[in-house]
Amino acid sequence: LNIVRPLYADVTLQNFYAYYLFLGVAPFNLLRLSITALLT
């Protein structure tokens, strides 16, 4: 939680997955792989 708090100030154990999965993992992979797909 301390690692991700600089980005998600209000993150807690209860809402961690909501923040991390939908503000971190999903857009991160969407951006990264969209660039990969475009290059392909």
Full PDB file with SEQRES, HELIX, SHEET, SSBOND, CRYST1, ORIGX, SCALE, CONECT and MASTER records, all heavy atoms in Angstrom:
SEQRES   1 A   40  LEU ASN ILE VAL ARG PRO LEU TYR ALA ASP VAL THR LEU          
SEQRES   2 A   40  GLN ASN PHE TYR ALA TYR TYR LEU PHE LEU GLY VAL ALA          
SEQRES   3 A   40  PRO PHE ASN LEU LEU ARG LEU SER ILE THR ALA LEU LEU          
SEQRES   4 A   40  THR                                                          
HELIX    1 AA1 PHE A   16  TYR A   19  1                                   4    
HELIX    2 AA2 TYR A   20  VAL A   25  3                                   6    
HELIX    3 AA3 ALA A   26  LEU A   39  1                                  14    
CRYST1    1.000    1.000    1.000  90.00  90.00  90.00 P 1           1          
ORIGX1      1.000000  0.000000  0.000000        0.00000                         
ORIGX2      0.000000  1.000000  0.000000        0.00000                         
ORIGX3      0.000000  0.000000  1.000000        0.00000                         
SCALE1      1.000000  0.000000  0.000000        0.00000                         
SCALE2      0.000000  1.000000  0.000000        0.00000                         
SCALE3      0.000000  0.000000  1.000000        0.00000                         
ATOM      1  N   LEU A   1       0.829  -1.206   0.000  1.00  0.00           N  
ATOM      2  CA  LEU A   1       0.000   0.000   0.000  1.00  0.00           C  
ATOM      3  C   LEU A   1       0.865   1.258   0.000  1.00  0.00           C  
ATOM      4  O   LEU A   1       0.549   2.238  -0.693  1.00  0.00           O  
ATOM      5  CB  LEU A   1      -0.926  -0.007   1.217  1.00  0.00           C  
ATOM      6  CG  LEU A   1      -1.987  -1.111   1.266  1.00  0.00           C  
ATOM      7  CD1 LEU A   1      -2.785  -1.023   2.567  1.00  0.00           C  
ATOM      8  CD2 LEU A   1      -2.927  -1.044   0.073  1.00  0.00           C  
ATOM      9  N   ASN A   2       1.968   1.240   0.738  1.00  0.00           N  
ATOM     10  CA  ASN A   2       2.866   2.399   0.774  1.00  0.00           C  
ATOM     11  C   ASN A   2       3.547   2.627  -0.571  1.00  0.00           C  
ATOM     12  O   ASN A   2       3.862   3.771  -0.930  1.00  0.00           O  
ATOM     13  CB  ASN A   2       3.917   2.219   1.870  1.00  0.00           C  
ATOM     14  CG  ASN A   2       3.334   2.380   3.259  1.00  0.00           C  
ATOM     15  OD1 ASN A   2       2.332   3.082   3.447  1.00  0.00           O  
ATOM     16  ND2 ASN A   2       3.944   1.725   4.241  1.00  0.00           N  
ATOM     17  N   ILE A   3       3.780   1.539  -1.327  1.00  0.00           N  
ATOM     18  CA  ILE A   3       4.409   1.670  -2.642  1.00  0.00           C  
ATOM     19  C   ILE A   3       3.477   2.386  -3.624  1.00  0.00           C  
ATOM     20  O   ILE A   3       3.925   3.209  -4.429  1.00  0.00           O  
ATOM     21  CB  ILE A   3       4.801   0.277  -3.194  1.00  0.00           C  
ATOM     22  CG1 ILE A   3       5.929  -0.322  -2.346  1.00  0.00           C  
ATOM     23  CG2 ILE A   3       5.245   0.371  -4.652  1.00  0.00           C  
ATOM     24  CD1 ILE A   3       6.277  -1.753  -2.737  1.00  0.00           C  
ATOM     25  N   VAL A   4       2.183   2.109  -3.539  1.00  0.00           N  
ATOM     26  CA  VAL A   4       1.249   2.681  -4.517  1.00  0.00           C  
ATOM     27  C   VAL A   4       0.590   3.974  -4.031  1.00  0.00           C  
ATOM     28  O   VAL A   4      -0.085   4.642  -4.816  1.00  0.00           O  
ATOM     29  CB  VAL A   4       0.155   1.654  -4.897  1.00  0.00           C  
ATOM     30  CG1 VAL A   4       0.783   0.407  -5.497  1.00  0.00           C  
ATOM     31  CG2 VAL A   4      -0.717   1.295  -3.704  1.00  0.00           C  
ATOM     32  N   ARG A   5       0.795   4.351  -2.789  1.00  0.00           N  
ATOM     33  CA  ARG A   5       0.135   5.559  -2.259  1.00  0.00           C  
ATOM     34  C   ARG A   5       0.562   6.861  -2.947  1.00  0.00           C  
ATOM     35  O   ARG A   5      -0.237   7.793  -3.013  1.00  0.00           O  
ATOM     36  CB  ARG A   5       0.347   5.653  -0.748  1.00  0.00           C  
ATOM     37  CG  ARG A   5      -0.689   4.848   0.019  1.00  0.00           C  
ATOM     38  CD  ARG A   5      -0.795   5.230   1.481  1.00  0.00           C  
ATOM     39  NE  ARG A   5      -1.826   4.419   2.119  1.00  0.00           N  
ATOM     40  CZ  ARG A   5      -1.597   3.480   3.033  1.00  0.00           C  
ATOM     41  NH1 ARG A   5      -0.352   3.239   3.414  1.00  0.00           N  
ATOM     42  NH2 ARG A   5      -2.591   2.797   3.562  1.00  0.00           N  
ATOM     43  N   PRO A   6       1.801   6.979  -3.441  1.00  0.00           N  
ATOM     44  CA  PRO A   6       2.129   8.213  -4.166  1.00  0.00           C  
ATOM     45  C   PRO A   6       1.204   8.466  -5.358  1.00  0.00           C  
ATOM     46  O   PRO A   6       0.984   9.617  -5.742  1.00  0.00           O  
ATOM     47  CB  PRO A   6       3.570   7.965  -4.626  1.00  0.00           C  
ATOM     48  CG  PRO A   6       4.136   7.053  -3.595  1.00  0.00           C  
ATOM     49  CD  PRO A   6       2.998   6.148  -3.225  1.00  0.00           C  
ATOM     50  N   LEU A   7       0.661   7.412  -5.922  1.00  0.00           N  
ATOM     51  CA  LEU A   7      -0.278   7.561  -7.038  1.00  0.00           C  
ATOM     52  C   LEU A   7      -1.734   7.558  -6.574  1.00  0.00           C  
ATOM     53  O   LEU A   7      -2.565   8.300  -7.093  1.00  0.00           O  
ATOM     54  CB  LEU A   7      -0.075   6.419  -8.045  1.00  0.00           C  
ATOM     55  CG  LEU A   7       1.145   6.514  -8.958  1.00  0.00           C  
ATOM     56  CD1 LEU A   7       1.273   5.245  -9.785  1.00  0.00           C  
ATOM     57  CD2 LEU A   7       1.056   7.729  -9.868  1.00  0.00           C  
ATOM     58  N   TYR A   8      -2.029   6.676  -5.605  1.00  0.00           N  
ATOM     59  CA  TYR A   8      -3.403   6.524  -5.126  1.00  0.00           C  
ATOM     60  C   TYR A   8      -3.439   6.871  -3.640  1.00  0.00           C  
ATOM     61  O   TYR A   8      -3.317   5.995  -2.778  1.00  0.00           O  
ATOM     62  CB  TYR A   8      -3.895   5.090  -5.358  1.00  0.00           C  
ATOM     63  CG  TYR A   8      -3.512   4.513  -6.705  1.00  0.00           C  
ATOM     64  CD1 TYR A   8      -2.870   3.269  -6.798  1.00  0.00           C  
ATOM     65  CD2 TYR A   8      -3.768   5.196  -7.888  1.00  0.00           C  
ATOM     66  CE1 TYR A   8      -2.512   2.734  -8.024  1.00  0.00           C  
ATOM     67  CE2 TYR A   8      -3.399   4.672  -9.119  1.00  0.00           C  
ATOM     68  CZ  TYR A   8      -2.773   3.443  -9.174  1.00  0.00           C  
ATOM     69  OH  TYR A   8      -2.413   2.917 -10.378  1.00  0.00           O  
ATOM     70  N   ALA A   9      -3.591   8.133  -3.355  1.00  0.00           N  
ATOM     71  CA  ALA A   9      -3.464   8.619  -1.972  1.00  0.00           C  
ATOM     72  C   ALA A   9      -4.495   8.001  -1.031  1.00  0.00           C  
ATOM     73  O   ALA A   9      -4.231   7.817   0.158  1.00  0.00           O  
ATOM     74  CB  ALA A   9      -3.572  10.143  -1.946  1.00  0.00           C  
ATOM     75  N   ASP A  10      -5.651   7.688  -1.541  1.00  0.00           N  
ATOM     76  CA  ASP A  10      -6.734   7.184  -0.695  1.00  0.00           C  
ATOM     77  C   ASP A  10      -6.814   5.660  -0.645  1.00  0.00           C  
ATOM     78  O   ASP A  10      -7.810   5.106  -0.164  1.00  0.00           O  
ATOM     79  CB  ASP A  10      -8.084   7.727  -1.184  1.00  0.00           C  
ATOM     80  CG  ASP A  10      -8.146   9.248  -1.109  1.00  0.00           C  
ATOM     81  OD1 ASP A  10      -7.545   9.804  -0.173  1.00  0.00           O  
ATOM     82  OD2 ASP A  10      -8.789   9.859  -1.985  1.00  0.00           O  
ATOM     83  N   VAL A  11      -5.782   4.973  -1.141  1.00  0.00           N  
ATOM     84  CA  VAL A  11      -5.844   3.515  -1.210  1.00  0.00           C  
ATOM     85  C   VAL A  11      -5.799   2.912   0.191  1.00  0.00           C  
ATOM     86  O   VAL A  11      -5.070   3.377   1.071  1.00  0.00           O  
ATOM     87  CB  VAL A  11      -4.698   2.959  -2.083  1.00  0.00           C  
ATOM     88  CG1 VAL A  11      -3.345   3.146  -1.414  1.00  0.00           C  
ATOM     89  CG2 VAL A  11      -4.925   1.488  -2.408  1.00  0.00           C  
ATOM     90  N   THR A  12      -6.593   1.884   0.398  1.00  0.00           N  
ATOM     91  CA  THR A  12      -6.607   1.108   1.643  1.00  0.00           C  
ATOM     92  C   THR A  12      -6.624  -0.368   1.277  1.00  0.00           C  
ATOM     93  O   THR A  12      -6.759  -0.733   0.100  1.00  0.00           O  
ATOM     94  CB  THR A  12      -7.847   1.430   2.495  1.00  0.00           C  
ATOM     95  OG1 THR A  12      -9.018   1.003   1.779  1.00  0.00           O  
ATOM     96  CG2 THR A  12      -7.932   2.920   2.800  1.00  0.00           C  
ATOM     97  N   LEU A  13      -6.528  -1.214   2.269  1.00  0.00           N  
ATOM     98  CA  LEU A  13      -6.598  -2.647   2.016  1.00  0.00           C  
ATOM     99  C   LEU A  13      -7.934  -3.026   1.389  1.00  0.00           C  
ATOM    100  O   LEU A  13      -8.002  -3.900   0.524  1.00  0.00           O  
ATOM    101  CB  LEU A  13      -6.391  -3.416   3.318  1.00  0.00           C  
ATOM    102  CG  LEU A  13      -6.438  -4.956   3.224  1.00  0.00           C  
ATOM    103  CD1 LEU A  13      -5.383  -5.467   2.255  1.00  0.00           C  
ATOM    104  CD2 LEU A  13      -6.238  -5.584   4.605  1.00  0.00           C  
ATOM    105  N   GLN A  14      -8.997  -2.341   1.813  1.00  0.00           N  
ATOM    106  CA  GLN A  14     -10.346  -2.657   1.319  1.00  0.00           C  
ATOM    107  C   GLN A  14     -10.545  -2.250  -0.146  1.00  0.00           C  
ATOM    108  O   GLN A  14     -11.238  -2.943  -0.898  1.00  0.00           O  
ATOM    109  CB  GLN A  14     -11.404  -1.982   2.199  1.00  0.00           C  
ATOM    110  CG  GLN A  14     -11.563  -2.580   3.583  1.00  0.00           C  
ATOM    111  CD  GLN A  14     -10.358  -2.291   4.482  1.00  0.00           C  
ATOM    112  OE1 GLN A  14      -9.733  -1.229   4.372  1.00  0.00           O  
ATOM    113  NE2 GLN A  14     -10.040  -3.245   5.361  1.00  0.00           N  
ATOM    114  N   ASN A  15      -9.944  -1.162  -0.566  1.00  0.00           N  
ATOM    115  CA  ASN A  15     -10.184  -0.696  -1.939  1.00  0.00           C  
ATOM    116  C   ASN A  15      -8.963  -0.865  -2.843  1.00  0.00           C  
ATOM    117  O   ASN A  15      -8.934  -0.354  -3.961  1.00  0.00           O  
ATOM    118  CB  ASN A  15     -10.633   0.766  -1.948  1.00  0.00           C  
ATOM    119  CG  ASN A  15      -9.572   1.716  -1.403  1.00  0.00           C  
ATOM    120  OD1 ASN A  15      -8.384   1.383  -1.336  1.00  0.00           O  
ATOM    121  ND2 ASN A  15      -9.996   2.903  -1.009  1.00  0.00           N  
ATOM    122  N   PHE A  16      -7.931  -1.581  -2.347  1.00  0.00           N  
ATOM    123  CA  PHE A  16      -6.691  -1.713  -3.124  1.00  0.00           C  
ATOM    124  C   PHE A  16      -6.938  -2.245  -4.526  1.00  0.00           C  
ATOM    125  O   PHE A  16      -6.438  -1.693  -5.508  1.00  0.00           O  
ATOM    126  CB  PHE A  16      -5.703  -2.629  -2.390  1.00  0.00           C  
ATOM    127  CG  PHE A  16      -4.519  -3.004  -3.247  1.00  0.00           C  
ATOM    128  CD1 PHE A  16      -3.481  -2.117  -3.420  1.00  0.00           C  
ATOM    129  CD2 PHE A  16      -4.472  -4.239  -3.893  1.00  0.00           C  
ATOM    130  CE1 PHE A  16      -2.392  -2.446  -4.224  1.00  0.00           C  
ATOM    131  CE2 PHE A  16      -3.395  -4.567  -4.697  1.00  0.00           C  
ATOM    132  CZ  PHE A  16      -2.351  -3.680  -4.858  1.00  0.00           C  
ATOM    133  N   TYR A  17      -7.678  -3.339  -4.634  1.00  0.00           N  
ATOM    134  CA  TYR A  17      -7.869  -3.950  -5.955  1.00  0.00           C  
ATOM    135  C   TYR A  17      -8.635  -3.042  -6.901  1.00  0.00           C  
ATOM    136  O   TYR A  17      -8.359  -3.027  -8.113  1.00  0.00           O  
ATOM    137  CB  TYR A  17      -8.578  -5.296  -5.814  1.00  0.00           C  
ATOM    138  CG  TYR A  17      -7.654  -6.410  -5.367  1.00  0.00           C  
ATOM    139  CD1 TYR A  17      -7.867  -7.076  -4.168  1.00  0.00           C  
ATOM    140  CD2 TYR A  17      -6.571  -6.801  -6.144  1.00  0.00           C  
ATOM    141  CE1 TYR A  17      -7.023  -8.094  -3.747  1.00  0.00           C  
ATOM    142  CE2 TYR A  17      -5.717  -7.808  -5.741  1.00  0.00           C  
ATOM    143  CZ  TYR A  17      -5.942  -8.454  -4.540  1.00  0.00           C  
ATOM    144  OH  TYR A  17      -5.091  -9.451  -4.142  1.00  0.00           O  
ATOM    145  N   ALA A  18      -9.573  -2.277  -6.401  1.00  0.00           N  
ATOM    146  CA  ALA A  18     -10.306  -1.348  -7.254  1.00  0.00           C  
ATOM    147  C   ALA A  18      -9.355  -0.313  -7.853  1.00  0.00           C  
ATOM    148  O   ALA A  18      -9.419   0.005  -9.052  1.00  0.00           O  
ATOM    149  CB  ALA A  18     -11.415  -0.656  -6.460  1.00  0.00           C  
ATOM    150  N   TYR A  19      -8.458   0.214  -7.009  1.00  0.00           N  
ATOM    151  CA  TYR A  19      -7.474   1.181  -7.505  1.00  0.00           C  
ATOM    152  C   TYR A  19      -6.471   0.518  -8.437  1.00  0.00           C  
ATOM    153  O   TYR A  19      -6.237   0.975  -9.561  1.00  0.00           O  
ATOM    154  CB  TYR A  19      -6.723   1.825  -6.330  1.00  0.00           C  
ATOM    155  CG  TYR A  19      -7.408   3.021  -5.736  1.00  0.00           C  
ATOM    156  CD1 TYR A  19      -8.203   2.901  -4.596  1.00  0.00           C  
ATOM    157  CD2 TYR A  19      -7.251   4.289  -6.294  1.00  0.00           C  
ATOM    158  CE1 TYR A  19      -8.823   4.008  -4.034  1.00  0.00           C  
ATOM    159  CE2 TYR A  19      -7.869   5.399  -5.740  1.00  0.00           C  
ATOM    160  CZ  TYR A  19      -8.653   5.257  -4.608  1.00  0.00           C  
ATOM    161  OH  TYR A  19      -9.262   6.359  -4.073  1.00  0.00           O  
ATOM    162  N   TYR A  20      -5.839  -0.543  -7.932  1.00  0.00           N  
ATOM    163  CA  TYR A  20      -4.707  -1.120  -8.653  1.00  0.00           C  
ATOM    164  C   TYR A  20      -5.122  -1.767  -9.977  1.00  0.00           C  
ATOM    165  O   TYR A  20      -4.454  -1.581 -11.009  1.00  0.00           O  
ATOM    166  CB  TYR A  20      -4.009  -2.150  -7.765  1.00  0.00           C  
ATOM    167  CG  TYR A  20      -2.833  -2.811  -8.442  1.00  0.00           C  
ATOM    168  CD1 TYR A  20      -1.683  -2.089  -8.741  1.00  0.00           C  
ATOM    169  CD2 TYR A  20      -2.871  -4.159  -8.796  1.00  0.00           C  
ATOM    170  CE1 TYR A  20      -0.606  -2.675  -9.371  1.00  0.00           C  
ATOM    171  CE2 TYR A  20      -1.804  -4.766  -9.424  1.00  0.00           C  
ATOM    172  CZ  TYR A  20      -0.671  -4.023  -9.708  1.00  0.00           C  
ATOM    173  OH  TYR A  20       0.397  -4.618 -10.345  1.00  0.00           O  
ATOM    174  N   LEU A  21      -6.198  -2.536  -9.964  1.00  0.00           N  
ATOM    175  CA  LEU A  21      -6.594  -3.262 -11.172  1.00  0.00           C  
ATOM    176  C   LEU A  21      -7.151  -2.338 -12.246  1.00  0.00           C  
ATOM    177  O   LEU A  21      -6.825  -2.492 -13.430  1.00  0.00           O  
ATOM    178  CB  LEU A  21      -7.626  -4.337 -10.828  1.00  0.00           C  
ATOM    179  CG  LEU A  21      -7.138  -5.477  -9.928  1.00  0.00           C  
ATOM    180  CD1 LEU A  21      -8.260  -6.455  -9.652  1.00  0.00           C  
ATOM    181  CD2 LEU A  21      -5.939  -6.205 -10.543  1.00  0.00           C  
ATOM    182  N   PHE A  22      -7.955  -1.362 -11.852  1.00  0.00           N  
ATOM    183  CA  PHE A  22      -8.673  -0.565 -12.855  1.00  0.00           C  
ATOM    184  C   PHE A  22      -8.049   0.801 -13.132  1.00  0.00           C  
ATOM    185  O   PHE A  22      -8.376   1.439 -14.131  1.00  0.00           O  
ATOM    186  CB  PHE A  22     -10.135  -0.416 -12.433  1.00  0.00           C  
ATOM    187  CG  PHE A  22     -10.840  -1.741 -12.339  1.00  0.00           C  
ATOM    188  CD1 PHE A  22     -11.119  -2.316 -11.110  1.00  0.00           C  
ATOM    189  CD2 PHE A  22     -11.179  -2.440 -13.489  1.00  0.00           C  
ATOM    190  CE1 PHE A  22     -11.743  -3.554 -11.026  1.00  0.00           C  
ATOM    191  CE2 PHE A  22     -11.808  -3.675 -13.411  1.00  0.00           C  
ATOM    192  CZ  PHE A  22     -12.087  -4.232 -12.177  1.00  0.00           C  
ATOM    193  N   LEU A  23      -7.134   1.237 -12.261  1.00  0.00           N  
ATOM    194  CA  LEU A  23      -6.382   2.461 -12.535  1.00  0.00           C  
ATOM    195  C   LEU A  23      -4.924   2.169 -12.870  1.00  0.00           C  
ATOM    196  O   LEU A  23      -4.217   3.044 -13.370  1.00  0.00           O  
ATOM    197  CB  LEU A  23      -6.445   3.410 -11.328  1.00  0.00           C  
ATOM    198  CG  LEU A  23      -7.822   3.965 -10.974  1.00  0.00           C  
ATOM    199  CD1 LEU A  23      -7.727   4.887  -9.756  1.00  0.00           C  
ATOM    200  CD2 LEU A  23      -8.438   4.706 -12.151  1.00  0.00           C  
ATOM    201  N   GLY A  24      -4.487   0.950 -12.559  1.00  0.00           N  
ATOM    202  CA  GLY A  24      -3.106   0.559 -12.824  1.00  0.00           C  
ATOM    203  C   GLY A  24      -2.982  -0.496 -13.899  1.00  0.00           C  
ATOM    204  O   GLY A  24      -2.603  -0.214 -15.034  1.00  0.00           O  
ATOM    205  N   VAL A  25      -3.341  -1.726 -13.566  1.00  0.00           N  
ATOM    206  CA  VAL A  25      -3.101  -2.869 -14.457  1.00  0.00           C  
ATOM    207  C   VAL A  25      -3.814  -2.722 -15.806  1.00  0.00           C  
ATOM    208  O   VAL A  25      -3.192  -2.861 -16.864  1.00  0.00           O  
ATOM    209  CB  VAL A  25      -3.537  -4.175 -13.764  1.00  0.00           C  
ATOM    210  CG1 VAL A  25      -3.501  -5.342 -14.747  1.00  0.00           C  
ATOM    211  CG2 VAL A  25      -2.629  -4.470 -12.586  1.00  0.00           C  
ATOM    212  N   ALA A  26      -5.115  -2.465 -15.785  1.00  0.00           N  
ATOM    213  CA  ALA A  26      -5.880  -2.422 -17.034  1.00  0.00           C  
ATOM    214  C   ALA A  26      -5.398  -1.319 -17.983  1.00  0.00           C  
ATOM    215  O   ALA A  26      -5.069  -1.602 -19.149  1.00  0.00           O  
ATOM    216  CB  ALA A  26      -7.373  -2.281 -16.733  1.00  0.00           C  
ATOM    217  N   PRO A  27      -5.318  -0.052 -17.555  1.00  0.00           N  
ATOM    218  CA  PRO A  27      -4.844   0.975 -18.492  1.00  0.00           C  
ATOM    219  C   PRO A  27      -3.379   0.804 -18.871  1.00  0.00           C  
ATOM    220  O   PRO A  27      -2.991   1.118 -20.010  1.00  0.00           O  
ATOM    221  CB  PRO A  27      -5.073   2.284 -17.728  1.00  0.00           C  
ATOM    222  CG  PRO A  27      -5.202   1.909 -16.308  1.00  0.00           C  
ATOM    223  CD  PRO A  27      -5.770   0.531 -16.285  1.00  0.00           C  
ATOM    224  N   PHE A  28      -2.563   0.293 -17.923  1.00  0.00           N  
ATOM    225  CA  PHE A  28      -1.147   0.062 -18.241  1.00  0.00           C  
ATOM    226  C   PHE A  28      -1.005  -0.944 -19.382  1.00  0.00           C  
ATOM    227  O   PHE A  28      -0.291  -0.697 -20.357  1.00  0.00           O  
ATOM    228  CB  PHE A  28      -0.418  -0.452 -16.998  1.00  0.00           C  
ATOM    229  CG  PHE A  28       0.986  -0.915 -17.269  1.00  0.00           C  
ATOM    230  CD1 PHE A  28       2.015  -0.004 -17.399  1.00  0.00           C  
ATOM    231  CD2 PHE A  28       1.281  -2.269 -17.416  1.00  0.00           C  
ATOM    232  CE1 PHE A  28       3.315  -0.423 -17.661  1.00  0.00           C  
ATOM    233  CE2 PHE A  28       2.566  -2.699 -17.674  1.00  0.00           C  
ATOM    234  CZ  PHE A  28       3.580  -1.777 -17.795  1.00  0.00           C  
ATOM    235  N   ASN A  29      -1.661  -2.081 -19.252  1.00  0.00           N  
ATOM    236  CA  ASN A  29      -1.569  -3.099 -20.307  1.00  0.00           C  
ATOM    237  C   ASN A  29      -2.235  -2.648 -21.596  1.00  0.00           C  
ATOM    238  O   ASN A  29      -1.766  -2.972 -22.689  1.00  0.00           O  
ATOM    239  CB  ASN A  29      -2.181  -4.415 -19.816  1.00  0.00           C  
ATOM    240  CG  ASN A  29      -1.229  -5.192 -18.928  1.00  0.00           C  
ATOM    241  OD1 ASN A  29      -0.278  -5.805 -19.389  1.00  0.00           O  
ATOM    242  ND2 ASN A  29      -1.468  -5.145 -17.629  1.00  0.00           N  
ATOM    243  N   LEU A  30      -3.306  -1.896 -21.473  1.00  0.00           N  
ATOM    244  CA  LEU A  30      -3.969  -1.378 -22.669  1.00  0.00           C  
ATOM    245  C   LEU A  30      -3.035  -0.445 -23.439  1.00  0.00           C  
ATOM    246  O   LEU A  30      -2.917  -0.539 -24.666  1.00  0.00           O  
ATOM    247  CB  LEU A  30      -5.255  -0.646 -22.281  1.00  0.00           C  
ATOM    248  CG  LEU A  30      -6.085  -0.094 -23.434  1.00  0.00           C  
ATOM    249  CD1 LEU A  30      -6.545  -1.216 -24.370  1.00  0.00           C  
ATOM    250  CD2 LEU A  30      -7.293   0.668 -22.892  1.00  0.00           C  
ATOM    251  N   LEU A  31      -2.345   0.442 -22.722  1.00  0.00           N  
ATOM    252  CA  LEU A  31      -1.403   1.364 -23.365  1.00  0.00           C  
ATOM    253  C   LEU A  31      -0.226   0.611 -23.965  1.00  0.00           C  
ATOM    254  O   LEU A  31       0.116   0.793 -25.141  1.00  0.00           O  
ATOM    255  CB  LEU A  31      -0.908   2.384 -22.341  1.00  0.00           C  
ATOM    256  CG  LEU A  31       0.215   3.311 -22.809  1.00  0.00           C  
ATOM    257  CD1 LEU A  31      -0.267   4.186 -23.958  1.00  0.00           C  
ATOM    258  CD2 LEU A  31       0.742   4.156 -21.647  1.00  0.00           C  
ATOM    259  N   ARG A  32       0.397  -0.239 -23.169  1.00  0.00           N  
ATOM    260  CA  ARG A  32       1.599  -0.962 -23.615  1.00  0.00           C  
ATOM    261  C   ARG A  32       1.323  -1.842 -24.825  1.00  0.00           C  
ATOM    262  O   ARG A  32       2.069  -1.835 -25.813  1.00  0.00           O  
ATOM    263  CB  ARG A  32       2.146  -1.801 -22.452  1.00  0.00           C  
ATOM    264  CG  ARG A  32       3.432  -2.535 -22.746  1.00  0.00           C  
ATOM    265  CD  ARG A  32       3.897  -3.327 -21.542  1.00  0.00           C  
ATOM    266  NE  ARG A  32       3.104  -4.513 -21.315  1.00  0.00           N  
ATOM    267  CZ  ARG A  32       3.282  -5.667 -21.952  1.00  0.00           C  
ATOM    268  NH1 ARG A  32       4.216  -5.775 -22.886  1.00  0.00           N  
ATOM    269  NH2 ARG A  32       2.539  -6.712 -21.662  1.00  0.00           N  
ATOM    270  N   LEU A  33       0.229  -2.581 -24.753  1.00  0.00           N  
ATOM    271  CA  LEU A  33      -0.058  -3.530 -25.828  1.00  0.00           C  
ATOM    272  C   LEU A  33      -0.675  -2.852 -27.048  1.00  0.00           C  
ATOM    273  O   LEU A  33      -0.557  -3.363 -28.163  1.00  0.00           O  
ATOM    274  CB  LEU A  33      -0.963  -4.639 -25.310  1.00  0.00           C  
ATOM    275  CG  LEU A  33      -0.274  -5.542 -24.291  1.00  0.00           C  
ATOM    276  CD1 LEU A  33      -1.275  -6.480 -23.640  1.00  0.00           C  
ATOM    277  CD2 LEU A  33       0.856  -6.331 -24.925  1.00  0.00           C  
ATOM    278  N   SER A  34      -1.297  -1.717 -26.863  1.00  0.00           N  
ATOM    279  CA  SER A  34      -1.779  -0.952 -28.023  1.00  0.00           C  
ATOM    280  C   SER A  34      -0.595  -0.459 -28.841  1.00  0.00           C  
ATOM    281  O   SER A  34      -0.625  -0.488 -30.082  1.00  0.00           O  
ATOM    282  CB  SER A  34      -2.641   0.228 -27.567  1.00  0.00           C  
ATOM    283  OG  SER A  34      -3.835  -0.230 -26.969  1.00  0.00           O  
ATOM    284  N   ILE A  35       0.473  -0.017 -28.145  1.00  0.00           N  
ATOM    285  CA  ILE A  35       1.687   0.389 -28.860  1.00  0.00           C  
ATOM    286  C   ILE A  35       2.308  -0.813 -29.573  1.00  0.00           C  
ATOM    287  O   ILE A  35       2.724  -0.731 -30.734  1.00  0.00           O  
ATOM    288  CB  ILE A  35       2.692   1.026 -27.886  1.00  0.00           C  
ATOM    289  CG1 ILE A  35       2.114   2.311 -27.294  1.00  0.00           C  
ATOM    290  CG2 ILE A  35       4.013   1.311 -28.598  1.00  0.00           C  
ATOM    291  CD1 ILE A  35       2.956   2.902 -26.181  1.00  0.00           C  
ATOM    292  N   THR A  36       2.370  -1.955 -28.885  1.00  0.00           N  
ATOM    293  CA  THR A  36       2.904  -3.178 -29.486  1.00  0.00           C  
ATOM    294  C   THR A  36       2.099  -3.589 -30.707  1.00  0.00           C  
ATOM    295  O   THR A  36       2.661  -3.951 -31.750  1.00  0.00           O  
ATOM    296  CB  THR A  36       2.902  -4.324 -28.459  1.00  0.00           C  
ATOM    297  OG1 THR A  36       3.667  -3.947 -27.317  1.00  0.00           O  
ATOM    298  CG2 THR A  36       3.491  -5.596 -29.061  1.00  0.00           C  
ATOM    299  N   ALA A  37       0.772  -3.525 -30.593  1.00  0.00           N  
ATOM    300  CA  ALA A  37      -0.100  -3.890 -31.711  1.00  0.00           C  
ATOM    301  C   ALA A  37       0.091  -2.932 -32.888  1.00  0.00           C  
ATOM    302  O   ALA A  37       0.126  -3.351 -34.051  1.00  0.00           O  
ATOM    303  CB  ALA A  37      -1.557  -3.892 -31.247  1.00  0.00           C  
ATOM    304  N   LEU A  38       0.209  -1.645 -32.586  1.00  0.00           N  
ATOM    305  CA  LEU A  38       0.413  -0.656 -33.652  1.00  0.00           C  
ATOM    306  C   LEU A  38       1.729  -0.899 -34.377  1.00  0.00           C  
ATOM    307  O   LEU A  38       1.793  -0.856 -35.612  1.00  0.00           O  
ATOM    308  CB  LEU A  38       0.376   0.753 -33.060  1.00  0.00           C  
ATOM    309  CG  LEU A  38       0.616   1.906 -34.053  1.00  0.00           C  
ATOM    310  CD1 LEU A  38      -0.473   1.913 -35.122  1.00  0.00           C  
ATOM    311  CD2 LEU A  38       0.655   3.240 -33.325  1.00  0.00           C  
ATOM    312  N   LEU A  39       2.788  -1.179 -33.612  1.00  0.00           N  
ATOM    313  CA  LEU A  39       4.081  -1.472 -34.228  1.00  0.00           C  
ATOM    314  C   LEU A  39       4.002  -2.726 -35.099  1.00  0.00           C  
ATOM    315  O   LEU A  39       4.571  -2.770 -36.202  1.00  0.00           O  
ATOM    316  CB  LEU A  39       5.144  -1.655 -33.141  1.00  0.00           C  
ATOM    317  CG  LEU A  39       5.562  -0.388 -32.385  1.00  0.00           C  
ATOM    318  CD1 LEU A  39       6.486  -0.748 -31.228  1.00  0.00           C  
ATOM    319  CD2 LEU A  39       6.238   0.599 -33.318  1.00  0.00           C  
ATOM    320  N   THR A  40       3.300  -3.737 -34.614  1.00  0.00           N  
ATOM    321  CA  THR A  40       3.122  -4.967 -35.404  1.00  0.00           C  
ATOM    322  C   THR A  40       2.402  -4.666 -36.706  1.00  0.00           C  
ATOM    323  O   THR A  40       2.812  -5.127 -37.778  1.00  0.00           O  
ATOM    324  CB  THR A  40       2.326  -6.009 -34.596  1.00  0.00           C  
ATOM    325  OG1 THR A  40       2.992  -6.276 -33.364  1.00  0.00           O  
ATOM    326  CG2 THR A  40       2.178  -7.306 -35.384  1.00  0.00           C  
TER     327      THR A  40                                                      
MASTER        0    0    0    3    0    0    0    6  326    1    0    4          
END                                                                             
